[in-house]
Amino acid sequence: MKTGRPKAEHTKAKSVTVRLSDELHYKLSEYAASHEITMTEVIQQSLKEFFFKQN
């Protein structure tokens, strides 16, 4: 029997590393904290908004 966390329905298989200035990192961190979400979620939401507004 396997133990551990069950697999998510839609797993994220790709990872991207991004270098940020101190200012951008601070703004990202503060925004995430004030909205009680992770920095990853902020970036993912921002990218979705960026690409969907393109069309």
PDB file of N, CA and C in Angstrom:
ATOM      1  N   MET A   1       0.840  -1.188   0.000  1.00  0.00           N
ATOM      2  CA  MET A   1       0.000   0.000   0.000  1.00  0.00           C
ATOM      3  C   MET A   1       0.884   1.250   0.000  1.00  0.00           C
ATOM      4  N   LYS A   2       0.580   2.169  -0.898  1.00  0.00           N
ATOM      5  CA  LYS A   2       1.333   3.417  -0.979  1.00  0.00           C
ATOM      6  C   LYS A   2       0.823   4.406   0.069  1.00  0.00           C
ATOM      7  N   THR A   3       1.748   5.154   0.609  1.00  0.00           N
ATOM      8  CA  THR A   3       1.366   6.219   1.533  1.00  0.00           C
ATOM      9  C   THR A   3       1.838   7.539   0.965  1.00  0.00           C
ATOM     10  N   GLY A   4       1.361   8.605   1.538  1.00  0.00           N
ATOM     11  CA  GLY A   4       1.772   9.921   1.059  1.00  0.00           C
ATOM     12  C   GLY A   4       0.615  10.673   0.474  1.00  0.00           C
ATOM     13  N   ARG A   5       0.958  11.762  -0.130  1.00  0.00           N
ATOM     14  CA  ARG A   5      -0.050  12.651  -0.672  1.00  0.00           C
ATOM     15  C   ARG A   5      -0.652  12.074  -1.948  1.00  0.00           C
ATOM     16  N   PRO A   6      -1.981  12.133  -2.070  1.00  0.00           N
ATOM     17  CA  PRO A   6      -2.597  11.656  -3.322  1.00  0.00           C
ATOM     18  C   PRO A   6      -2.241  12.593  -4.473  1.00  0.00           C
ATOM     19  N   LYS A   7      -2.166  12.039  -5.667  1.00  0.00           N
ATOM     20  CA  LYS A   7      -1.829  12.843  -6.842  1.00  0.00           C
ATOM     21  C   LYS A   7      -2.960  13.806  -7.169  1.00  0.00           C
ATOM     22  N   ALA A   8      -2.575  14.996  -7.569  1.00  0.00           N
ATOM     23  CA  ALA A   8      -3.545  16.006  -7.977  1.00  0.00           C
ATOM     24  C   ALA A   8      -4.119  15.615  -9.332  1.00  0.00           C
ATOM     25  N   GLU A   9      -5.318  16.091  -9.602  1.00  0.00           N
ATOM     26  CA  GLU A   9      -5.970  15.771 -10.870  1.00  0.00           C
ATOM     27  C   GLU A   9      -5.194  16.336 -12.055  1.00  0.00           C
ATOM     28  N   HIS A  10      -4.750  17.579 -11.933  1.00  0.00           N
ATOM     29  CA  HIS A  10      -4.002  18.225 -13.012  1.00  0.00           C
ATOM     30  C   HIS A  10      -2.630  18.618 -12.476  1.00  0.00           C
ATOM     31  N   THR A  11      -1.686  17.710 -12.594  1.00  0.00           N
ATOM     32  CA  THR A  11      -0.351  17.998 -12.081  1.00  0.00           C
ATOM     33  C   THR A  11       0.396  18.936 -13.024  1.00  0.00           C
ATOM     34  N   LYS A  12       1.314  19.652 -12.478  1.00  0.00           N
ATOM     35  CA  LYS A  12       2.130  20.574 -13.255  1.00  0.00           C
ATOM     36  C   LYS A  12       3.495  19.926 -13.447  1.00  0.00           C
ATOM     37  N   ALA A  13       3.795  19.568 -14.676  1.00  0.00           N
ATOM     38  CA  ALA A  13       5.006  18.808 -14.961  1.00  0.00           C
ATOM     39  C   ALA A  13       6.206  19.689 -15.303  1.00  0.00           C
ATOM     40  N   LYS A  14       5.988  20.926 -15.601  1.00  0.00           N
ATOM     41  CA  LYS A  14       7.078  21.806 -16.039  1.00  0.00           C
ATOM     42  C   LYS A  14       7.430  22.818 -14.959  1.00  0.00           C
ATOM     43  N   SER A  15       8.710  23.142 -14.899  1.00  0.00           N
ATOM     44  CA  SER A  15       9.208  24.108 -13.932  1.00  0.00           C
ATOM     45  C   SER A  15      10.033  25.153 -14.676  1.00  0.00           C
ATOM     46  N   VAL A  16       9.928  26.420 -14.245  1.00  0.00           N
ATOM     47  CA  VAL A  16      10.669  27.510 -14.864  1.00  0.00           C
ATOM     48  C   VAL A  16      11.380  28.289 -13.763  1.00  0.00           C
ATOM     49  N   THR A  17      12.644  28.592 -13.982  1.00  0.00           N
ATOM     50  CA  THR A  17      13.400  29.405 -13.048  1.00  0.00           C
ATOM     51  C   THR A  17      13.482  30.824 -13.598  1.00  0.00           C
ATOM     52  N   VAL A  18      13.216  31.792 -12.748  1.00  0.00           N
ATOM     53  CA  VAL A  18      13.201  33.191 -13.173  1.00  0.00           C
ATOM     54  C   VAL A  18      14.060  34.010 -12.222  1.00  0.00           C
ATOM     55  N   ARG A  19      14.893  34.873 -12.786  1.00  0.00           N
ATOM     56  CA  ARG A  19      15.690  35.792 -11.970  1.00  0.00           C
ATOM     57  C   ARG A  19      14.937  37.114 -11.881  1.00  0.00           C
ATOM     58  N   LEU A  20      14.805  37.623 -10.651  1.00  0.00           N
ATOM     59  CA  LEU A  20      14.094  38.874 -10.425  1.00  0.00           C
ATOM     60  C   LEU A  20      15.006  39.879  -9.734  1.00  0.00           C
ATOM     61  N   SER A  21      14.765  41.148 -10.001  1.00  0.00           N
ATOM     62  CA  SER A  21      15.463  42.190  -9.257  1.00  0.00           C
ATOM     63  C   SER A  21      14.960  42.154  -7.816  1.00  0.00           C
ATOM     64  N   ASP A  22      15.702  42.777  -6.924  1.00  0.00           N
ATOM     65  CA  ASP A  22      15.261  42.851  -5.528  1.00  0.00           C
ATOM     66  C   ASP A  22      13.890  43.515  -5.426  1.00  0.00           C
ATOM     67  N   GLU A  23      13.688  44.556  -6.213  1.00  0.00           N
ATOM     68  CA  GLU A  23      12.416  45.284  -6.186  1.00  0.00           C
ATOM     69  C   GLU A  23      11.251  44.405  -6.623  1.00  0.00           C
ATOM     70  N   LEU A  24      11.410  43.690  -7.747  1.00  0.00           N
ATOM     71  CA  LEU A  24      10.328  42.822  -8.214  1.00  0.00           C
ATOM     72  C   LEU A  24      10.062  41.684  -7.239  1.00  0.00           C
ATOM     73  N   HIS A  25      11.108  41.119  -6.680  1.00  0.00           N
ATOM     74  CA  HIS A  25      10.937  40.040  -5.711  1.00  0.00           C
ATOM     75  C   HIS A  25      10.178  40.542  -4.481  1.00  0.00           C
ATOM     76  N   TYR A  26      10.521  41.734  -4.017  1.00  0.00           N
ATOM     77  CA  TYR A  26       9.837  42.317  -2.869  1.00  0.00           C
ATOM     78  C   TYR A  26       8.358  42.540  -3.173  1.00  0.00           C
ATOM     79  N   LYS A  27       8.063  43.122  -4.339  1.00  0.00           N
ATOM     80  CA  LYS A  27       6.676  43.384  -4.724  1.00  0.00           C
ATOM     81  C   LYS A  27       5.887  42.082  -4.852  1.00  0.00           C
ATOM     82  N   LEU A  28       6.490  41.079  -5.452  1.00  0.00           N
ATOM     83  CA  LEU A  28       5.846  39.775  -5.598  1.00  0.00           C
ATOM     84  C   LEU A  28       5.550  39.161  -4.237  1.00  0.00           C
ATOM     85  N   SER A  29       6.535  39.183  -3.369  1.00  0.00           N
ATOM     86  CA  SER A  29       6.401  38.621  -2.028  1.00  0.00           C
ATOM     87  C   SER A  29       5.315  39.337  -1.229  1.00  0.00           C
ATOM     88  N   GLU A  30       5.322  40.661  -1.275  1.00  0.00           N
ATOM     89  CA  GLU A  30       4.323  41.449  -0.545  1.00  0.00           C
ATOM     90  C   GLU A  30       2.910  41.208  -1.084  1.00  0.00           C
ATOM     91  N   TYR A  31       2.781  41.168  -2.400  1.00  0.00           N
ATOM     92  CA  TYR A  31       1.469  40.934  -3.003  1.00  0.00           C
ATOM     93  C   TYR A  31       0.933  39.563  -2.594  1.00  0.00           C
ATOM     94  N   ALA A  32       1.783  38.565  -2.685  1.00  0.00           N
ATOM     95  CA  ALA A  32       1.363  37.207  -2.325  1.00  0.00           C
ATOM     96  C   ALA A  32       0.941  37.147  -0.858  1.00  0.00           C
ATOM     97  N   ALA A  33       1.727  37.732   0.013  1.00  0.00           N
ATOM     98  CA  ALA A  33       1.409  37.708   1.439  1.00  0.00           C
ATOM     99  C   ALA A  33       0.098  38.439   1.736  1.00  0.00           C
ATOM    100  N   SER A  34      -0.087  39.593   1.114  1.00  0.00           N
ATOM    101  CA  SER A  34      -1.292  40.379   1.390  1.00  0.00           C
ATOM    102  C   SER A  34      -2.558  39.725   0.848  1.00  0.00           C
ATOM    103  N   HIS A  35      -2.410  38.871  -0.173  1.00  0.00           N
ATOM    104  CA  HIS A  35      -3.561  38.163  -0.738  1.00  0.00           C
ATOM    105  C   HIS A  35      -3.653  36.708  -0.275  1.00  0.00           C
ATOM    106  N   GLU A  36      -2.739  36.341   0.629  1.00  0.00           N
ATOM    107  CA  GLU A  36      -2.695  34.997   1.210  1.00  0.00           C
ATOM    108  C   GLU A  36      -2.655  33.891   0.153  1.00  0.00           C
ATOM    109  N   ILE A  37      -1.795  34.094  -0.842  1.00  0.00           N
ATOM    110  CA  ILE A  37      -1.533  33.086  -1.861  1.00  0.00           C
ATOM    111  C   ILE A  37      -0.014  32.968  -2.023  1.00  0.00           C
ATOM    112  N   THR A  38       0.420  31.933  -2.700  1.00  0.00           N
ATOM    113  CA  THR A  38       1.854  31.744  -2.895  1.00  0.00           C
ATOM    114  C   THR A  38       2.357  32.622  -4.042  1.00  0.00           C
ATOM    115  N   MET A  39       3.659  32.830  -4.058  1.00  0.00           N
ATOM    116  CA  MET A  39       4.254  33.585  -5.162  1.00  0.00           C
ATOM    117  C   MET A  39       4.037  32.843  -6.476  1.00  0.00           C
ATOM    118  N   THR A  40       4.073  31.529  -6.433  1.00  0.00           N
ATOM    119  CA  THR A  40       3.808  30.734  -7.636  1.00  0.00           C
ATOM    120  C   THR A  40       2.411  31.014  -8.172  1.00  0.00           C
ATOM    121  N   GLU A  41       1.432  31.088  -7.279  1.00  0.00           N
ATOM    122  CA  GLU A  41       0.062  31.366  -7.715  1.00  0.00           C
ATOM    123  C   GLU A  41      -0.057  32.752  -8.336  1.00  0.00           C
ATOM    124  N   VAL A  42       0.645  33.729  -7.782  1.00  0.00           N
ATOM    125  CA  VAL A  42       0.634  35.084  -8.355  1.00  0.00           C
ATOM    126  C   VAL A  42       1.180  35.042  -9.772  1.00  0.00           C
ATOM    127  N   ILE A  43       2.303  34.369  -9.956  1.00  0.00           N
ATOM    128  CA  ILE A  43       2.932  34.290 -11.276  1.00  0.00           C
ATOM    129  C   ILE A  43       2.034  33.547 -12.258  1.00  0.00           C
ATOM    130  N   GLN A  44       1.460  32.427 -11.834  1.00  0.00           N
ATOM    131  CA  GLN A  44       0.582  31.665 -12.724  1.00  0.00           C
ATOM    132  C   GLN A  44      -0.642  32.478 -13.124  1.00  0.00           C
ATOM    133  N   GLN A  45      -1.261  33.161 -12.164  1.00  0.00           N
ATOM    134  CA  GLN A  45      -2.429  33.989 -12.472  1.00  0.00           C
ATOM    135  C   GLN A  45      -2.051  35.134 -13.408  1.00  0.00           C
ATOM    136  N   SER A  46      -0.888  35.724 -13.181  1.00  0.00           N
ATOM    137  CA  SER A  46      -0.431  36.827 -14.022  1.00  0.00           C
ATOM    138  C   SER A  46      -0.188  36.372 -15.453  1.00  0.00           C
ATOM    139  N   LEU A  47       0.428  35.217 -15.606  1.00  0.00           N
ATOM    140  CA  LEU A  47       0.679  34.690 -16.952  1.00  0.00           C
ATOM    141  C   LEU A  47      -0.620  34.352 -17.669  1.00  0.00           C
ATOM    142  N   LYS A  48      -1.561  33.760 -16.957  1.00  0.00           N
ATOM    143  CA  LYS A  48      -2.861  33.448 -17.568  1.00  0.00           C
ATOM    144  C   LYS A  48      -3.540  34.722 -18.038  1.00  0.00           C
ATOM    145  N   GLU A  49      -3.535  35.741 -17.175  1.00  0.00           N
ATOM    146  CA  GLU A  49      -4.150  37.010 -17.540  1.00  0.00           C
ATOM    147  C   GLU A  49      -3.447  37.625 -18.750  1.00  0.00           C
ATOM    148  N   PHE A  50      -2.125  37.604 -18.768  1.00  0.00           N
ATOM    149  CA  PHE A  50      -1.350  38.145 -19.874  1.00  0.00           C
ATOM    150  C   PHE A  50      -1.697  37.461 -21.191  1.00  0.00           C
ATOM    151  N   PHE A  51      -1.700  36.122 -21.193  1.00  0.00           N
ATOM    152  CA  PHE A  51      -1.940  35.402 -22.440  1.00  0.00           C
ATOM    153  C   PHE A  51      -3.383  35.457 -22.889  1.00  0.00           C
ATOM    154  N   PHE A  52      -4.337  35.478 -21.970  1.00  0.00           N
ATOM    155  CA  PHE A  52      -5.747  35.531 -22.377  1.00  0.00           C
ATOM    156  C   PHE A  52      -6.132  36.909 -22.867  1.00  0.00           C
ATOM    157  N   LYS A  53      -5.459  37.946 -22.401  1.00  0.00           N
ATOM    158  CA  LYS A  53      -5.736  39.298 -22.877  1.00  0.00           C
ATOM    159  C   LYS A  53      -5.144  39.532 -24.258  1.00  0.00           C
ATOM    160  N   GLN A  54      -4.203  38.700 -24.665  1.00  0.00           N
ATOM    161  CA  GLN A  54      -3.559  38.828 -25.969  1.00  0.00           C
ATOM    162  C   GLN A  54      -4.541  38.556 -27.106  1.00  0.00           C
ATOM    163  N   ASN A  55      -5.542  37.736 -26.846  1.00  0.00           N
ATOM    164  CA  ASN A  55      -6.497  37.332 -27.916  1.00  0.00           C
ATOM    165  C   ASN A  55      -7.671  38.225 -27.984  1.00  0.00           C
TER     166      ASN A  55
END
